[in-house]
Amino acid sequence: ARQIQSLYEYDKTILHAYLDVANLMSKV
């Protein structure tokens, strides 16, 4: 279960990182 949880955490981190950059590029 922790393995699956870690995968979701990894995917969430990548997705949020991409959205952070995309939003900030527009904000600049």
PDB file of all heavy atoms in Angstrom:
ATOM      1  N   ALA A   1       0.834  -1.203   0.000  1.00  0.00           N
ATOM      2  CA  ALA A   1       0.000   0.000   0.000  1.00  0.00           C
ATOM      3  C   ALA A   1       0.871   1.256   0.000  1.00  0.00           C
ATOM      4  O   ALA A   1       0.553   2.248  -0.678  1.00  0.00           O
ATOM      5  CB  ALA A   1      -0.929  -0.001   1.216  1.00  0.00           C
ATOM      6  N   ARG A   2       1.968   1.229   0.738  1.00  0.00           N
ATOM      7  CA  ARG A   2       2.870   2.383   0.760  1.00  0.00           C
ATOM      8  C   ARG A   2       3.544   2.589  -0.593  1.00  0.00           C
ATOM      9  O   ARG A   2       3.839   3.723  -0.984  1.00  0.00           O
ATOM     10  CB  ARG A   2       3.921   2.197   1.853  1.00  0.00           C
ATOM     11  CG  ARG A   2       3.376   2.432   3.252  1.00  0.00           C
ATOM     12  CD  ARG A   2       4.401   2.182   4.308  1.00  0.00           C
ATOM     13  NE  ARG A   2       3.855   2.483   5.640  1.00  0.00           N
ATOM     14  CZ  ARG A   2       4.427   2.128   6.779  1.00  0.00           C
ATOM     15  NH1 ARG A   2       5.576   1.444   6.760  1.00  0.00           N
ATOM     16  NH2 ARG A   2       3.872   2.449   7.939  1.00  0.00           N
ATOM     17  N   GLN A   3       3.780   1.493  -1.300  1.00  0.00           N
ATOM     18  CA  GLN A   3       4.341   1.609  -2.643  1.00  0.00           C
ATOM     19  C   GLN A   3       3.381   2.373  -3.559  1.00  0.00           C
ATOM     20  O   GLN A   3       3.789   3.288  -4.283  1.00  0.00           O
ATOM     21  CB  GLN A   3       4.607   0.207  -3.208  1.00  0.00           C
ATOM     22  CG  GLN A   3       5.021   0.196  -4.656  1.00  0.00           C
ATOM     23  CD  GLN A   3       4.938  -1.197  -5.259  1.00  0.00           C
ATOM     24  OE1 GLN A   3       5.755  -1.551  -6.096  1.00  0.00           O
ATOM     25  NE2 GLN A   3       3.973  -1.985  -4.854  1.00  0.00           N
ATOM     26  N   ILE A   4       2.098   2.005  -3.510  1.00  0.00           N
ATOM     27  CA  ILE A   4       1.093   2.689  -4.325  1.00  0.00           C
ATOM     28  C   ILE A   4       0.960   4.144  -3.880  1.00  0.00           C
ATOM     29  O   ILE A   4       0.847   5.061  -4.701  1.00  0.00           O
ATOM     30  CB  ILE A   4      -0.253   1.950  -4.220  1.00  0.00           C
ATOM     31  CG1 ILE A   4      -0.110   0.509  -4.718  1.00  0.00           C
ATOM     32  CG2 ILE A   4      -1.331   2.672  -5.014  1.00  0.00           C
ATOM     33  CD1 ILE A   4      -1.328  -0.350  -4.478  1.00  0.00           C
ATOM     34  N   GLN A   5       0.979   4.352  -2.581  1.00  0.00           N
ATOM     35  CA  GLN A   5       0.890   5.702  -2.041  1.00  0.00           C
ATOM     36  C   GLN A   5       2.068   6.559  -2.520  1.00  0.00           C
ATOM     37  O   GLN A   5       1.897   7.732  -2.889  1.00  0.00           O
ATOM     38  CB  GLN A   5       0.867   5.640  -0.510  1.00  0.00           C
ATOM     39  CG  GLN A   5       0.620   6.965   0.183  1.00  0.00           C
ATOM     40  CD  GLN A   5       0.658   6.816   1.691  1.00  0.00           C
ATOM     41  OE1 GLN A   5       1.618   6.267   2.249  1.00  0.00           O
ATOM     42  NE2 GLN A   5      -0.374   7.278   2.363  1.00  0.00           N
ATOM     43  N   SER A   6       3.261   5.986  -2.539  1.00  0.00           N
ATOM     44  CA  SER A   6       4.449   6.712  -2.992  1.00  0.00           C
ATOM     45  C   SER A   6       4.358   7.074  -4.469  1.00  0.00           C
ATOM     46  O   SER A   6       4.832   8.136  -4.886  1.00  0.00           O
ATOM     47  CB  SER A   6       5.707   5.880  -2.735  1.00  0.00           C
ATOM     48  OG  SER A   6       5.896   5.649  -1.363  1.00  0.00           O
ATOM     49  N   LEU A   7       3.745   6.194  -5.259  1.00  0.00           N
ATOM     50  CA  LEU A   7       3.561   6.499  -6.680  1.00  0.00           C
ATOM     51  C   LEU A   7       2.631   7.697  -6.844  1.00  0.00           C
ATOM     52  O   LEU A   7       2.917   8.615  -7.638  1.00  0.00           O
ATOM     53  CB  LEU A   7       2.982   5.287  -7.418  1.00  0.00           C
ATOM     54  CG  LEU A   7       2.607   5.541  -8.880  1.00  0.00           C
ATOM     55  CD1 LEU A   7       3.847   5.848  -9.707  1.00  0.00           C
ATOM     56  CD2 LEU A   7       1.846   4.369  -9.465  1.00  0.00           C
ATOM     57  N   TYR A   8       1.519   7.701  -6.119  1.00  0.00           N
ATOM     58  CA  TYR A   8       0.601   8.835  -6.204  1.00  0.00           C
ATOM     59  C   TYR A   8       1.290  10.131  -5.754  1.00  0.00           C
ATOM     60  O   TYR A   8       1.068  11.198  -6.334  1.00  0.00           O
ATOM     61  CB  TYR A   8      -0.641   8.575  -5.349  1.00  0.00           C
ATOM     62  CG  TYR A   8      -1.514   7.444  -5.852  1.00  0.00           C
ATOM     63  CD1 TYR A   8      -2.274   6.669  -4.974  1.00  0.00           C
ATOM     64  CD2 TYR A   8      -1.575   7.138  -7.210  1.00  0.00           C
ATOM     65  CE1 TYR A   8      -3.074   5.631  -5.433  1.00  0.00           C
ATOM     66  CE2 TYR A   8      -2.377   6.099  -7.676  1.00  0.00           C
ATOM     67  CZ  TYR A   8      -3.116   5.349  -6.785  1.00  0.00           C
ATOM     68  OH  TYR A   8      -3.901   4.324  -7.242  1.00  0.00           O
ATOM     69  N   GLU A   9       2.106  10.022  -4.712  1.00  0.00           N
ATOM     70  CA  GLU A   9       2.830  11.200  -4.219  1.00  0.00           C
ATOM     71  C   GLU A   9       3.811  11.710  -5.270  1.00  0.00           C
ATOM     72  O   GLU A   9       3.948  12.929  -5.476  1.00  0.00           O
ATOM     73  CB  GLU A   9       3.580  10.846  -2.926  1.00  0.00           C
ATOM     74  CG  GLU A   9       4.217  12.026  -2.218  1.00  0.00           C
ATOM     75  CD  GLU A   9       3.194  12.980  -1.643  1.00  0.00           C
ATOM     76  OE1 GLU A   9       2.111  12.525  -1.224  1.00  0.00           O
ATOM     77  OE2 GLU A   9       3.480  14.197  -1.616  1.00  0.00           O
ATOM     78  N   TYR A  10       4.472  10.792  -5.936  1.00  0.00           N
ATOM     79  CA  TYR A  10       5.416  11.151  -7.003  1.00  0.00           C
ATOM     80  C   TYR A  10       4.683  11.832  -8.158  1.00  0.00           C
ATOM     81  O   TYR A  10       5.106  12.882  -8.660  1.00  0.00           O
ATOM     82  CB  TYR A  10       6.128   9.888  -7.480  1.00  0.00           C
ATOM     83  CG  TYR A  10       7.120  10.082  -8.595  1.00  0.00           C
ATOM     84  CD1 TYR A  10       8.140  11.029  -8.492  1.00  0.00           C
ATOM     85  CD2 TYR A  10       7.061   9.311  -9.749  1.00  0.00           C
ATOM     86  CE1 TYR A  10       9.068  11.193  -9.508  1.00  0.00           C
ATOM     87  CE2 TYR A  10       7.979   9.470 -10.771  1.00  0.00           C
ATOM     88  CZ  TYR A  10       8.982  10.410 -10.643  1.00  0.00           C
ATOM     89  OH  TYR A  10       9.894  10.575 -11.658  1.00  0.00           O
ATOM     90  N   ASP A  11       3.564  11.237  -8.574  1.00  0.00           N
ATOM     91  CA  ASP A  11       2.781  11.812  -9.669  1.00  0.00           C
ATOM     92  C   ASP A  11       2.249  13.198  -9.289  1.00  0.00           C
ATOM     93  O   ASP A  11       2.250  14.127 -10.110  1.00  0.00           O
ATOM     94  CB  ASP A  11       1.612  10.893 -10.027  1.00  0.00           C
ATOM     95  CG  ASP A  11       2.066   9.625 -10.749  1.00  0.00           C
ATOM     96  OD1 ASP A  11       3.232   9.602 -11.203  1.00  0.00           O
ATOM     97  OD2 ASP A  11       1.276   8.674 -10.852  1.00  0.00           O
ATOM     98  N   LYS A  12       1.792  13.336  -8.049  1.00  0.00           N
ATOM     99  CA  LYS A  12       1.263  14.624  -7.596  1.00  0.00           C
ATOM    100  C   LYS A  12       2.352  15.693  -7.606  1.00  0.00           C
ATOM    101  O   LYS A  12       2.118  16.840  -8.008  1.00  0.00           O
ATOM    102  CB  LYS A  12       0.682  14.478  -6.186  1.00  0.00           C
ATOM    103  CG  LYS A  12       0.036  15.748  -5.653  1.00  0.00           C
ATOM    104  CD  LYS A  12      -0.423  15.592  -4.225  1.00  0.00           C
ATOM    105  CE  LYS A  12       0.751  15.651  -3.265  1.00  0.00           C
ATOM    106  NZ  LYS A  12       0.321  15.694  -1.850  1.00  0.00           N
ATOM    107  N   THR A  13       3.561  15.314  -7.188  1.00  0.00           N
ATOM    108  CA  THR A  13       4.671  16.262  -7.154  1.00  0.00           C
ATOM    109  C   THR A  13       5.026  16.744  -8.552  1.00  0.00           C
ATOM    110  O   THR A  13       5.265  17.938  -8.771  1.00  0.00           O
ATOM    111  CB  THR A  13       5.904  15.606  -6.494  1.00  0.00           C
ATOM    112  OG1 THR A  13       5.545  15.110  -5.196  1.00  0.00           O
ATOM    113  CG2 THR A  13       7.019  16.622  -6.319  1.00  0.00           C
ATOM    114  N   ILE A  14       5.059  15.820  -9.516  1.00  0.00           N
ATOM    115  CA  ILE A  14       5.370  16.199 -10.901  1.00  0.00           C
ATOM    116  C   ILE A  14       4.289  17.124 -11.457  1.00  0.00           C
ATOM    117  O   ILE A  14       4.581  18.161 -12.074  1.00  0.00           O
ATOM    118  CB  ILE A  14       5.507  14.946 -11.787  1.00  0.00           C
ATOM    119  CG1 ILE A  14       6.722  14.117 -11.365  1.00  0.00           C
ATOM    120  CG2 ILE A  14       5.648  15.340 -13.257  1.00  0.00           C
ATOM    121  CD1 ILE A  14       6.864  12.818 -12.131  1.00  0.00           C
ATOM    122  N   LEU A  15       3.031  16.760 -11.233  1.00  0.00           N
ATOM    123  CA  LEU A  15       1.923  17.558 -11.761  1.00  0.00           C
ATOM    124  C   LEU A  15       1.929  18.965 -11.174  1.00  0.00           C
ATOM    125  O   LEU A  15       1.797  19.959 -11.908  1.00  0.00           O
ATOM    126  CB  LEU A  15       0.597  16.859 -11.451  1.00  0.00           C
ATOM    127  CG  LEU A  15      -0.678  17.571 -11.914  1.00  0.00           C
ATOM    128  CD1 LEU A  15      -0.680  17.742 -13.420  1.00  0.00           C
ATOM    129  CD2 LEU A  15      -1.909  16.806 -11.460  1.00  0.00           C
ATOM    130  N   HIS A  16       2.100  19.080  -9.860  1.00  0.00           N
ATOM    131  CA  HIS A  16       2.112  20.387  -9.221  1.00  0.00           C
ATOM    132  C   HIS A  16       3.313  21.211  -9.671  1.00  0.00           C
ATOM    133  O   HIS A  16       3.212  22.441  -9.808  1.00  0.00           O
ATOM    134  CB  HIS A  16       2.107  20.234  -7.697  1.00  0.00           C
ATOM    135  CG  HIS A  16       0.774  19.810  -7.160  1.00  0.00           C
ATOM    136  ND1 HIS A  16       0.492  19.764  -5.812  1.00  0.00           N
ATOM    137  CD2 HIS A  16      -0.352  19.431  -7.780  1.00  0.00           C
ATOM    138  CE1 HIS A  16      -0.754  19.369  -5.631  1.00  0.00           C
ATOM    139  NE2 HIS A  16      -1.286  19.155  -6.816  1.00  0.00           N
ATOM    140  N   ALA A  17       4.457  20.563  -9.879  1.00  0.00           N
ATOM    141  CA  ALA A  17       5.641  21.284 -10.351  1.00  0.00           C
ATOM    142  C   ALA A  17       5.390  21.885 -11.728  1.00  0.00           C
ATOM    143  O   ALA A  17       5.733  23.049 -11.992  1.00  0.00           O
ATOM    144  CB  ALA A  17       6.841  20.340 -10.396  1.00  0.00           C
ATOM    145  N   TYR A  18       4.783  21.105 -12.612  1.00  0.00           N
ATOM    146  CA  TYR A  18       4.482  21.598 -13.964  1.00  0.00           C
ATOM    147  C   TYR A  18       3.503  22.771 -13.898  1.00  0.00           C
ATOM    148  O   TYR A  18       3.691  23.802 -14.551  1.00  0.00           O
ATOM    149  CB  TYR A  18       3.897  20.464 -14.817  1.00  0.00           C
ATOM    150  CG  TYR A  18       3.491  20.900 -16.209  1.00  0.00           C
ATOM    151  CD1 TYR A  18       4.403  20.904 -17.251  1.00  0.00           C
ATOM    152  CD2 TYR A  18       2.183  21.325 -16.466  1.00  0.00           C
ATOM    153  CE1 TYR A  18       4.034  21.320 -18.525  1.00  0.00           C
ATOM    154  CE2 TYR A  18       1.805  21.743 -17.729  1.00  0.00           C
ATOM    155  CZ  TYR A  18       2.731  21.732 -18.757  1.00  0.00           C
ATOM    156  OH  TYR A  18       2.364  22.159 -20.003  1.00  0.00           O
ATOM    157  N   LEU A  19       2.441  22.616 -13.089  1.00  0.00           N
ATOM    158  CA  LEU A  19       1.432  23.672 -12.985  1.00  0.00           C
ATOM    159  C   LEU A  19       2.012  24.935 -12.360  1.00  0.00           C
ATOM    160  O   LEU A  19       1.651  26.049 -12.749  1.00  0.00           O
ATOM    161  CB  LEU A  19       0.237  23.171 -12.172  1.00  0.00           C
ATOM    162  CG  LEU A  19      -0.579  22.042 -12.807  1.00  0.00           C
ATOM    163  CD1 LEU A  19      -1.661  21.568 -11.850  1.00  0.00           C
ATOM    164  CD2 LEU A  19      -1.194  22.494 -14.124  1.00  0.00           C
ATOM    165  N   ASP A  20       2.913  24.776 -11.382  1.00  0.00           N
ATOM    166  CA  ASP A  20       3.566  25.936 -10.761  1.00  0.00           C
ATOM    167  C   ASP A  20       4.284  26.777 -11.809  1.00  0.00           C
ATOM    168  O   ASP A  20       4.132  28.005 -11.865  1.00  0.00           O
ATOM    169  CB  ASP A  20       4.576  25.480  -9.702  1.00  0.00           C
ATOM    170  CG  ASP A  20       3.895  25.078  -8.404  1.00  0.00           C
ATOM    171  OD1 ASP A  20       2.707  25.390  -8.239  1.00  0.00           O
ATOM    172  OD2 ASP A  20       4.562  24.435  -7.570  1.00  0.00           O
ATOM    173  N   VAL A  21       5.088  26.097 -12.635  1.00  0.00           N
ATOM    174  CA  VAL A  21       5.861  26.818 -13.648  1.00  0.00           C
ATOM    175  C   VAL A  21       4.931  27.456 -14.678  1.00  0.00           C
ATOM    176  O   VAL A  21       5.104  28.618 -15.059  1.00  0.00           O
ATOM    177  CB  VAL A  21       6.871  25.875 -14.334  1.00  0.00           C
ATOM    178  CG1 VAL A  21       7.609  26.604 -15.448  1.00  0.00           C
ATOM    179  CG2 VAL A  21       7.868  25.338 -13.319  1.00  0.00           C
ATOM    180  N   ALA A  22       3.925  26.700 -15.130  1.00  0.00           N
ATOM    181  CA  ALA A  22       2.995  27.231 -16.127  1.00  0.00           C
ATOM    182  C   ALA A  22       2.255  28.469 -15.596  1.00  0.00           C
ATOM    183  O   ALA A  22       2.110  29.475 -16.305  1.00  0.00           O
ATOM    184  CB  ALA A  22       2.003  26.149 -16.541  1.00  0.00           C
ATOM    185  N   ASN A  23       1.791  28.407 -14.360  1.00  0.00           N
ATOM    186  CA  ASN A  23       1.081  29.548 -13.773  1.00  0.00           C
ATOM    187  C   ASN A  23       2.001  30.753 -13.602  1.00  0.00           C
ATOM    188  O   ASN A  23       1.608  31.888 -13.877  1.00  0.00           O
ATOM    189  CB  ASN A  23       0.494  29.156 -12.415  1.00  0.00           C
ATOM    190  CG  ASN A  23      -0.679  28.198 -12.546  1.00  0.00           C
ATOM    191  OD1 ASN A  23      -1.318  28.126 -13.591  1.00  0.00           O
ATOM    192  ND2 ASN A  23      -0.948  27.451 -11.496  1.00  0.00           N
ATOM    193  N   LEU A  24       3.212  30.505 -13.144  1.00  0.00           N
ATOM    194  CA  LEU A  24       4.143  31.614 -12.894  1.00  0.00           C
ATOM    195  C   LEU A  24       4.633  32.239 -14.191  1.00  0.00           C
ATOM    196  O   LEU A  24       4.901  33.452 -14.235  1.00  0.00           O
ATOM    197  CB  LEU A  24       5.320  31.116 -12.053  1.00  0.00           C
ATOM    198  CG  LEU A  24       4.983  30.806 -10.594  1.00  0.00           C
ATOM    199  CD1 LEU A  24       6.121  30.077  -9.907  1.00  0.00           C
ATOM    200  CD2 LEU A  24       4.647  32.094  -9.837  1.00  0.00           C
ATOM    201  N   MET A  25       4.774  31.437 -15.240  1.00  0.00           N
ATOM    202  CA  MET A  25       5.137  32.010 -16.541  1.00  0.00           C
ATOM    203  C   MET A  25       4.080  33.013 -16.997  1.00  0.00           C
ATOM    204  O   MET A  25       4.403  34.112 -17.470  1.00  0.00           O
ATOM    205  CB  MET A  25       5.267  30.890 -17.582  1.00  0.00           C
ATOM    206  CG  MET A  25       6.533  30.084 -17.495  1.00  0.00           C
ATOM    207  SD  MET A  25       6.521  28.714 -18.684  1.00  0.00           S
ATOM    208  CE  MET A  25       6.372  29.622 -20.233  1.00  0.00           C
ATOM    209  N   SER A  26       2.820  32.640 -16.829  1.00  0.00           N
ATOM    210  CA  SER A  26       1.734  33.546 -17.184  1.00  0.00           C
ATOM    211  C   SER A  26       1.733  34.770 -16.264  1.00  0.00           C
ATOM    212  O   SER A  26       1.515  35.904 -16.714  1.00  0.00           O
ATOM    213  CB  SER A  26       0.399  32.808 -17.083  1.00  0.00           C
ATOM    214  OG  SER A  26      -0.685  33.682 -17.301  1.00  0.00           O
ATOM    215  N   LYS A  27       2.007  34.551 -14.975  1.00  0.00           N
ATOM    216  CA  LYS A  27       2.001  35.648 -14.009  1.00  0.00           C
ATOM    217  C   LYS A  27       3.104  36.653 -14.301  1.00  0.00           C
ATOM    218  O   LYS A  27       2.907  37.868 -14.156  1.00  0.00           O
ATOM    219  CB  LYS A  27       2.146  35.089 -12.596  1.00  0.00           C
ATOM    220  CG  LYS A  27       1.987  36.138 -11.505  1.00  0.00           C
ATOM    221  CD  LYS A  27       2.048  35.511 -10.125  1.00  0.00           C
ATOM    222  CE  LYS A  27       1.866  36.566  -9.036  1.00  0.00           C
ATOM    223  NZ  LYS A  27       1.923  35.981  -7.676  1.00  0.00           N
ATOM    224  N   VAL A  28       4.276  36.174 -14.727  1.00  0.00           N
ATOM    225  CA  VAL A  28       5.385  37.081 -15.054  1.00  0.00           C
ATOM    226  C   VAL A  28       4.976  38.043 -16.168  1.00  0.00           C
ATOM    227  O   VAL A  28       5.209  39.257 -16.087  1.00  0.00           O
ATOM    228  CB  VAL A  28       6.634  36.274 -15.466  1.00  0.00           C
ATOM    229  CG1 VAL A  28       7.660  37.190 -16.129  1.00  0.00           C
ATOM    230  CG2 VAL A  28       7.268  35.618 -14.249  1.00  0.00           C
TER     231      VAL A  28
END
